[in-house]
């Protein structure tokens, strides 16, 4: 069984994505770590760095969406990579000069978040023009598997690198990965035309909101958008709660805590590998209904974690089940979103999607923290696990595909 070829141009795009993904994996959590170890920030400042920076970045990304929409996407992607390289590179320079401060970390966090959203919007639109429609699911599945493998490998290696070479090591690696990504995207050859507005599709005063208008006006996208915001928000809200429960209350050593999150990411390779076969056999709508439900039912298991080996195995089993289903579901969702979005709205739609998800994560994380402070982390985990059980009610009840394509052959990954 051979790998389905998608062409040299996609190969360069995939390689560039992999380089930046692994760089980000190495640099996972680097800014909060610097805030604690170097800047000596207070707990409130560390929380602000994790929440306020990305929120400001999302606001910056809103007016960028129309700018991205009507320009060739490859130069935009290169510009966003170079922006992230430049702003991340200021951190080791300031550290070497003894000038690194909290405000700089906050600014870097916001700029990187905005550039990430703009890059994602441009790359999604570029992928649709680069890959034949029937191969979009294969392409999205490969990108998804790369993302999960970088999360499995990057943070443990990054932690080791920080211990050996100092606190800014992974920031340097992350910055260089964006530079290498820009070089890889530059190597992609071939002409590209930016989509031109036709009819009523114009960049007007309300242009940045057109992505939300498209999502909310499409029954299938609307249901998937609302479901995805809540699922992502509730799952991500459990991370700081679980950190407090495992490290502080149950006495897990840091290496076990890291293992509990890194090892299950192997499930991302499994789920993304299965995506094409599962869609070919069962159809896209059934994947949304079934796998969309399965990714939500396991979270409640985190409320029952106990000390010792049994507790560690419980966390790993829950995370593995969630990740397998998420990694199968996500490329199918990404393909459906591209299929049901006109070319002149892709960048704004993907921007709106990213901003909504990021806002939901921030809100759910903040509410989870408040509930944990008022009660306990275990109570907050229980609340998140129970609330997420209601999210399948938001999944589409029927197939809203107006023109169904032949299902992909199961003979290719």
Protein backbone atom coordinates (compact mmCIF):
# COMPACT_ATOMS: atom_id res chain seq x y z
CA UNK A 1 0.00 0.00 0.00
CA UNK A 2 1.79 3.15 -1.19
CA UNK A 3 1.58 6.66 0.09
CA UNK A 4 -0.71 8.83 -2.03
CA UNK A 5 1.48 11.38 -3.87
CA UNK A 6 0.36 15.01 -3.57
CA UNK A 7 3.15 16.64 -5.56
CA UNK A 8 6.38 18.49 -4.92
CA UNK A 9 4.68 21.79 -4.04
CA UNK A 10 2.65 20.19 -1.26
CA UNK A 11 5.85 18.43 -0.15
CA UNK A 12 7.51 21.80 0.43
CA UNK A 13 4.44 23.12 2.24
CA UNK A 14 4.31 20.03 4.45
CA UNK A 15 8.03 20.23 5.21
CA UNK A 16 7.71 23.90 6.15
CA UNK A 17 4.75 23.11 8.40
CA UNK A 18 6.70 20.28 10.05
CA UNK A 19 9.71 22.49 10.77
CA UNK A 20 7.64 25.21 12.44
CA UNK A 21 5.46 22.64 14.27
CA UNK A 22 8.47 20.92 15.79
CA UNK A 23 10.00 24.28 16.65
CA UNK A 24 6.80 25.27 18.44
CA UNK A 25 6.77 21.87 20.16
CA UNK A 26 10.27 22.47 21.48
CA UNK A 27 9.24 25.95 22.60
CA UNK A 28 5.96 24.85 24.20
CA UNK A 29 5.42 26.84 27.40
CA UNK A 30 8.67 28.79 26.94
CA UNK A 31 7.18 32.26 27.57
CA UNK A 32 5.49 31.39 30.90
CA UNK A 33 8.68 29.60 31.92
CA UNK A 34 10.74 32.73 31.21
CA UNK A 35 8.18 34.83 33.07
CA UNK A 36 8.65 32.65 36.16
CA UNK A 37 12.39 31.91 36.06
CA UNK A 38 13.85 35.09 34.54
CA UNK A 39 11.35 37.93 34.96
CA UNK A 40 10.08 36.63 38.35
CA UNK A 41 6.51 37.46 37.39
CA UNK A 42 3.66 37.04 39.84
CA UNK A 43 1.05 34.27 39.37
CA UNK A 44 -1.40 36.92 38.10
CA UNK A 45 1.12 38.11 35.50
CA UNK A 46 1.80 34.55 34.33
CA UNK A 47 -1.94 33.99 33.93
CA UNK A 48 -2.21 37.26 32.02
CA UNK A 49 0.60 36.19 29.71
CA UNK A 50 -1.25 32.96 28.89
CA UNK A 51 -4.66 34.61 28.39
CA UNK A 52 -4.30 38.31 27.57
CA UNK A 53 -1.50 37.96 25.01
CA UNK A 54 -3.40 35.53 22.73
CA UNK A 55 -6.62 37.51 23.24
CA UNK A 56 -4.93 40.72 22.06
CA UNK A 57 -3.44 38.78 19.18
CA UNK A 58 -6.91 37.61 18.17
CA UNK A 59 -8.14 41.22 18.13
CA UNK A 60 -5.21 42.23 15.94
CA UNK A 61 -6.03 39.39 13.56
CA UNK A 62 -9.60 40.61 12.90
CA UNK A 63 -8.67 43.56 10.62
CA UNK A 64 -5.88 41.47 9.06
CA UNK A 65 -8.38 38.98 7.61
CA UNK A 66 -9.52 41.06 4.58
CA UNK A 67 -5.89 42.01 3.91
CA UNK A 68 -4.96 38.33 3.78
CA UNK A 69 -8.05 37.45 1.73
CA UNK A 70 -7.24 39.42 -1.43
CA UNK A 71 -3.51 38.86 -1.63
CA UNK A 72 -1.46 35.94 -2.93
CA UNK A 73 -1.20 33.59 0.03
CA UNK A 74 2.41 32.47 -0.27
CA UNK A 75 3.90 35.96 0.34
CA UNK A 76 1.52 36.39 3.30
CA UNK A 77 2.68 33.10 4.81
CA UNK A 78 6.32 34.08 4.36
CA UNK A 79 5.66 37.49 5.92
CA UNK A 80 3.95 35.93 8.95
CA UNK A 81 6.81 33.46 9.42
CA UNK A 82 9.40 36.25 9.22
CA UNK A 83 7.34 38.35 11.65
CA UNK A 84 7.31 35.52 14.17
CA UNK A 85 11.04 34.93 13.67
CA UNK A 86 11.84 38.60 14.23
CA UNK A 87 9.69 39.08 17.32
CA UNK A 88 10.83 35.80 18.93
CA UNK A 89 14.48 36.70 18.23
CA UNK A 90 14.15 39.79 20.41
CA UNK A 91 13.86 37.57 23.50
CA UNK A 92 17.35 35.99 23.49
CA UNK A 93 18.84 39.37 22.57
CA UNK A 94 17.10 41.08 25.51
CA UNK A 95 18.04 38.18 27.80
CA UNK A 96 21.72 38.45 26.83
CA UNK A 97 21.64 42.19 27.57
CA UNK A 98 19.81 41.71 30.87
CA UNK A 99 16.82 43.71 29.60
CA UNK A 100 14.13 41.03 29.32
CA UNK A 101 10.88 42.15 30.98
CA UNK A 102 7.26 41.12 31.34
CA UNK A 103 5.91 43.73 28.91
CA UNK A 104 8.19 42.41 26.17
CA UNK A 105 6.95 38.86 26.77
CA UNK A 106 3.35 40.09 26.60
CA UNK A 107 3.97 41.93 23.30
CA UNK A 108 5.72 38.89 21.82
CA UNK A 109 2.83 36.66 22.88
CA UNK A 110 0.27 38.97 21.20
CA UNK A 111 2.22 39.40 17.94
CA UNK A 112 2.93 35.67 17.63
CA UNK A 113 -0.76 34.87 18.24
CA UNK A 114 -1.91 37.34 15.58
CA UNK A 115 0.67 36.11 13.06
CA UNK A 116 -0.31 32.49 13.75
CA UNK A 117 -3.97 33.21 12.98
CA UNK A 118 -3.10 35.11 9.79
CA UNK A 119 -0.70 32.35 8.70
CA UNK A 120 -3.34 29.69 9.34
CA UNK A 121 -5.90 31.58 7.28
CA UNK A 122 -3.48 32.05 4.38
CA UNK A 123 -2.20 28.46 4.48
CA UNK A 124 -5.72 27.02 4.49
CA UNK A 125 -6.64 29.03 1.40
CA UNK A 126 -3.33 28.14 -0.26
CA UNK A 127 -3.80 24.45 0.47
CA UNK A 128 -7.19 24.50 -1.28
CA UNK A 129 -5.56 25.94 -4.41
CA UNK A 130 -2.57 23.60 -4.20
CA UNK A 131 -4.25 20.21 -3.73
CA UNK A 132 -7.01 18.62 -5.87
CA UNK A 133 -10.38 18.62 -4.06
CA UNK A 134 -10.46 14.84 -3.62
CA UNK A 135 -7.03 14.93 -1.95
CA UNK A 136 -7.80 17.64 0.61
CA UNK A 137 -8.61 15.09 3.32
CA UNK A 138 -5.30 13.28 2.73
CA UNK A 139 -3.40 16.58 2.95
CA UNK A 140 -5.18 17.72 6.11
CA UNK A 141 -4.63 14.31 7.73
CA UNK A 142 -0.88 14.52 7.06
CA UNK A 143 -0.68 17.98 8.57
CA UNK A 144 -2.68 16.76 11.58
CA UNK A 145 -0.38 13.78 12.16
CA UNK A 146 2.64 16.09 11.99
CA UNK A 147 1.08 18.39 14.57
CA UNK A 148 0.49 15.58 17.06
CA UNK A 149 3.93 14.04 16.57
CA UNK A 150 5.51 17.43 17.27
CA UNK A 151 3.54 17.71 20.52
CA UNK A 152 4.62 14.20 21.54
CA UNK A 153 8.31 14.79 20.88
CA UNK A 154 8.85 18.54 21.29
CA UNK A 155 8.04 19.36 24.94
CA UNK A 156 10.17 16.56 26.50
CA UNK A 157 13.14 17.46 24.29
CA UNK A 158 12.56 21.15 24.99
CA UNK A 159 12.59 20.54 28.73
CA UNK A 160 15.85 18.64 28.46
CA UNK A 161 17.38 21.38 26.30
CA UNK A 162 16.44 24.06 28.82
CA UNK A 163 18.04 22.02 31.61
CA UNK A 164 21.26 21.62 29.63
CA UNK A 165 21.64 24.95 27.82
CA UNK A 166 19.53 27.55 29.62
CA UNK A 167 16.02 29.10 29.60
CA UNK A 168 16.10 30.77 26.16
CA UNK A 169 17.32 27.72 24.25
CA UNK A 170 13.89 26.63 23.05
CA UNK A 171 12.94 30.20 22.15
CA UNK A 172 15.96 30.32 19.81
CA UNK A 173 14.94 26.98 18.29
CA UNK A 174 11.35 28.16 17.84
CA UNK A 175 12.46 31.41 16.19
CA UNK A 176 14.80 29.60 13.79
CA UNK A 177 12.03 27.17 12.86
CA UNK A 178 9.94 30.08 11.53
CA UNK A 179 12.88 31.28 9.45
CA UNK A 180 13.36 27.79 8.00
CA UNK A 181 9.63 27.55 7.34
CA UNK A 182 9.74 30.83 5.40
CA UNK A 183 12.63 29.51 3.32
CA UNK A 184 10.70 26.31 2.58
CA UNK A 185 7.61 28.21 1.46
CA UNK A 186 9.82 30.40 -0.72
CA UNK A 187 11.03 27.24 -2.47
CA UNK A 188 7.48 26.45 -3.66
CA UNK A 189 7.32 27.41 -7.30
CA UNK A 190 4.36 28.16 -9.51
CA UNK A 191 2.08 31.07 -10.17
CA UNK A 192 -0.63 32.09 -7.76
CA UNK A 193 -3.49 34.49 -8.18
CA UNK A 194 -5.30 36.10 -5.28
CA UNK A 195 -9.08 35.60 -5.38
CA UNK A 196 -10.95 38.57 -6.77
CA UNK A 197 -14.22 39.70 -5.25
CA UNK A 198 -17.18 39.05 -7.51
CA UNK A 199 -20.72 40.33 -7.27
CA UNK A 200 -21.43 41.31 -3.68
CA UNK A 201 -18.14 39.94 -2.39
CA UNK A 202 -16.28 43.16 -1.74
CA UNK A 203 -13.91 44.33 0.94
CA UNK A 204 -16.19 46.85 2.60
CA UNK A 205 -16.31 48.36 6.09
CA UNK A 206 -17.83 45.17 7.50
CA UNK A 207 -15.38 42.93 5.62
CA UNK A 208 -13.65 41.48 8.70
CA UNK A 209 -17.01 40.12 9.92
CA UNK A 210 -17.84 38.31 6.67
CA UNK A 211 -16.23 35.13 7.97
CA UNK A 212 -18.66 34.97 10.89
CA UNK A 213 -21.56 35.81 8.56
CA UNK A 214 -20.65 32.90 6.33
CA UNK A 215 -20.28 30.48 9.24
CA UNK A 216 -23.52 31.48 10.96
CA UNK A 217 -25.43 31.48 7.65
CA UNK A 218 -24.43 27.90 6.81
CA UNK A 219 -26.35 25.33 8.91
CA UNK A 220 -23.58 22.74 8.88
CA UNK A 221 -20.72 25.15 9.60
CA UNK A 222 -22.72 26.93 12.29
CA UNK A 223 -23.36 23.71 14.20
CA UNK A 224 -19.77 22.54 13.87
CA UNK A 225 -18.41 25.96 14.89
CA UNK A 226 -20.46 26.19 18.07
CA UNK A 227 -19.67 22.59 18.96
CA UNK A 228 -15.96 23.05 18.31
CA UNK A 229 -15.72 26.18 20.44
CA UNK A 230 -17.25 24.48 23.47
CA UNK A 231 -15.33 21.22 23.08
CA UNK A 232 -11.99 22.98 22.62
CA UNK A 233 -12.71 25.40 25.45
CA UNK A 234 -13.69 22.71 27.96
CA UNK A 235 -10.83 20.34 27.06
CA UNK A 236 -8.18 23.06 27.23
CA UNK A 237 -9.65 24.41 30.49
CA UNK A 238 -8.72 21.14 32.19
CA UNK A 239 -4.98 21.50 31.58
CA UNK A 240 -4.15 23.99 34.38
CA UNK A 241 -6.66 22.25 36.67
CA UNK A 242 -5.00 18.90 36.07
CA UNK A 243 -1.56 20.43 36.64
CA UNK A 244 -2.58 21.62 40.10
CA UNK A 245 -4.29 18.32 40.93
CA UNK A 246 -1.42 16.09 39.78
CA UNK A 247 1.60 18.12 40.83
CA UNK A 248 0.40 19.81 43.99
CA UNK A 249 -2.35 17.67 45.48
CA UNK A 250 -1.48 14.15 44.34
CA UNK A 251 2.31 14.59 44.40
CA UNK A 252 3.15 13.37 40.89
CA UNK A 253 6.81 14.07 39.95
CA UNK A 254 7.24 16.44 37.00
CA UNK A 255 8.52 13.70 34.68
CA UNK A 256 5.35 11.67 35.21
CA UNK A 257 3.24 14.75 34.56
CA UNK A 258 5.09 15.36 31.27
CA UNK A 259 4.78 11.69 30.31
CA UNK A 260 1.04 11.72 30.99
CA UNK A 261 0.56 14.32 28.25
CA UNK A 262 3.35 13.47 25.80
CA UNK A 263 2.85 9.69 25.41
CA UNK A 264 -0.86 9.82 24.46
CA UNK A 265 -0.04 12.16 21.56
CA UNK A 266 0.97 9.03 19.66
CA UNK A 267 -2.78 8.58 19.33
CA UNK A 268 -2.75 11.59 17.02
CA UNK A 269 -0.82 9.54 14.47
CA UNK A 270 -3.38 6.76 14.72
CA UNK A 271 -6.47 8.93 14.34
CA UNK A 272 -5.17 11.05 11.48
CA UNK A 273 -3.99 7.92 9.66
CA UNK A 274 -7.49 6.44 9.89
CA UNK A 275 -9.38 9.56 8.75
CA UNK A 276 -9.55 8.79 5.03
CA UNK A 277 -10.52 5.15 5.50
CA UNK A 278 -13.21 5.96 8.03
CA UNK A 279 -14.76 8.65 5.80
CA UNK A 280 -14.63 6.31 2.80
CA UNK A 281 -16.45 3.60 4.73
CA UNK A 282 -18.95 5.55 6.81
CA UNK A 283 -19.29 8.98 5.20
CA UNK A 284 -18.42 12.40 6.53
CA UNK A 285 -21.69 13.11 8.33
CA UNK A 286 -21.50 9.91 10.38
CA UNK A 287 -17.92 10.78 11.34
CA UNK A 288 -19.10 14.15 12.65
CA UNK A 289 -21.90 12.57 14.67
CA UNK A 290 -20.04 9.52 16.00
CA UNK A 291 -16.45 10.66 16.39
CA UNK A 292 -17.61 14.13 17.45
CA UNK A 293 -19.47 12.44 20.29
CA UNK A 294 -16.64 10.07 21.20
CA UNK A 295 -14.13 12.89 21.63
CA UNK A 296 -16.40 14.40 24.32
CA UNK A 297 -17.32 11.41 26.50
CA UNK A 298 -13.90 10.65 27.99
CA UNK A 299 -13.09 13.93 29.75
CA UNK A 300 -15.11 13.07 32.86
CA UNK A 301 -12.55 10.34 33.58
CA UNK A 302 -10.03 12.96 34.72
CA UNK A 303 -12.19 13.68 37.77
CA UNK A 304 -11.43 10.17 39.07
CA UNK A 305 -7.63 10.33 38.98
CA UNK A 306 -5.94 8.89 42.06
CA UNK A 307 -2.31 8.90 43.27
CA UNK A 308 0.28 6.47 42.02
CA UNK A 309 0.59 4.30 38.94
CA UNK A 310 -3.17 3.77 38.61
CA UNK A 311 -3.69 7.53 38.47
CA UNK A 312 -0.96 7.98 35.85
CA UNK A 313 -2.46 5.21 33.69
CA UNK A 314 -5.92 6.77 34.08
CA UNK A 315 -4.73 10.15 32.80
CA UNK A 316 -2.86 8.59 29.89
CA UNK A 317 -5.83 6.41 28.90
CA UNK A 318 -8.26 9.36 28.97
CA UNK A 319 -5.88 11.60 27.01
CA UNK A 320 -5.21 8.84 24.46
CA UNK A 321 -8.92 8.28 23.84
CA UNK A 322 -9.54 12.01 23.42
CA UNK A 323 -6.56 12.52 21.10
CA UNK A 324 -7.34 9.54 18.83
CA UNK A 325 -10.85 10.87 18.24
CA UNK A 326 -9.75 14.51 17.92
CA UNK A 327 -7.06 13.68 15.37
CA UNK A 328 -9.54 11.67 13.29
CA UNK A 329 -12.22 14.36 13.53
CA UNK A 330 -10.07 17.46 12.90
CA UNK A 331 -8.88 16.78 9.30
CA UNK A 332 -12.43 15.81 8.31
CA UNK A 333 -13.69 19.09 9.80
CA UNK A 334 -10.92 21.09 8.09
CA UNK A 335 -11.76 19.52 4.72
CA UNK A 336 -15.50 20.12 5.14
CA UNK A 337 -14.84 23.75 6.06
CA UNK A 338 -12.77 24.32 2.91
CA UNK A 339 -15.31 22.48 0.73
CA UNK A 340 -18.16 24.67 1.97
CA UNK A 341 -16.41 28.05 1.86
CA UNK A 342 -16.07 30.10 -1.37
CA UNK A 343 -12.51 31.00 -2.33
CA UNK A 344 -13.08 34.71 -1.69
CA UNK A 345 -14.11 34.00 1.94
CA UNK A 346 -11.62 31.35 3.04
CA UNK A 347 -9.16 33.61 4.88
CA UNK A 348 -11.90 35.47 6.75
CA UNK A 349 -13.74 32.27 7.60
CA UNK A 350 -10.62 30.55 8.95
CA UNK A 351 -9.73 33.69 10.91
CA UNK A 352 -13.20 33.83 12.44
CA UNK A 353 -12.95 30.15 13.32
CA UNK A 354 -9.57 30.56 15.03
CA UNK A 355 -10.63 33.64 16.96
CA UNK A 356 -13.82 31.98 18.19
CA UNK A 357 -11.93 28.92 19.38
CA UNK A 358 -9.27 31.00 21.08
CA UNK A 359 -11.87 33.14 22.83
CA UNK A 360 -13.75 30.05 24.03
CA UNK A 361 -10.55 28.55 25.45
CA UNK A 362 -9.76 31.78 27.31
CA UNK A 363 -13.27 32.07 28.78
CA UNK A 364 -13.54 28.42 29.80
CA UNK A 365 -10.05 28.44 31.31
CA UNK A 366 -10.84 31.54 33.36
CA UNK A 367 -14.18 30.14 34.58
CA UNK A 368 -12.54 26.82 35.41
CA UNK A 369 -9.90 28.58 37.47
CA UNK A 370 -12.51 30.59 39.37
CA UNK A 371 -14.51 27.44 40.13
CA UNK A 372 -11.37 25.61 41.26
CA UNK A 373 -10.47 28.48 43.60
CA UNK A 374 -13.98 28.50 45.07
CA UNK A 375 -14.20 24.70 45.42
CA UNK A 376 -11.35 22.41 44.27
CA UNK A 377 -9.61 21.39 41.03
CA UNK A 378 -11.37 18.02 41.13
CA UNK A 379 -14.77 19.73 41.31
CA UNK A 380 -13.89 21.97 38.37
CA UNK A 381 -12.71 18.92 36.37
CA UNK A 382 -16.00 17.20 37.15
CA UNK A 383 -17.96 20.25 35.98
CA UNK A 384 -16.01 20.38 32.69
CA UNK A 385 -16.48 16.64 32.17
CA UNK A 386 -20.24 16.88 32.71
CA UNK A 387 -20.72 20.01 30.57
CA UNK A 388 -18.87 18.54 27.60
CA UNK A 389 -21.30 15.60 27.56
CA UNK A 390 -23.95 18.03 26.26
CA UNK A 391 -21.84 19.27 23.31
CA UNK A 392 -22.86 16.46 20.89
CA UNK A 393 -26.32 18.04 20.89
CA UNK A 394 -24.80 20.87 18.83
CA UNK A 395 -23.47 18.57 16.09
CA UNK A 396 -25.33 18.68 12.74
CA UNK A 397 -28.42 16.46 12.85
CA UNK A 398 -28.44 15.92 9.08
CA UNK A 399 -26.05 16.12 6.18
CA UNK A 400 -25.97 19.69 4.84
CA UNK A 401 -23.75 18.86 1.87
CA UNK A 402 -25.47 20.39 -1.15
CA UNK A 403 -23.33 18.57 -3.73
CA UNK A 404 -21.89 15.31 -2.50
CA UNK A 405 -18.62 14.16 -3.98
CA UNK A 406 -17.84 10.49 -4.45
CA UNK A 407 -16.39 9.23 -1.20
CA UNK A 408 -12.59 8.74 -1.28
CA UNK A 409 -11.22 5.31 -1.95
CA UNK A 410 -10.18 3.42 1.19
CA UNK A 411 -7.09 2.12 -0.58
CA UNK A 412 -5.03 5.20 0.28
CA UNK A 413 -4.07 6.65 3.67
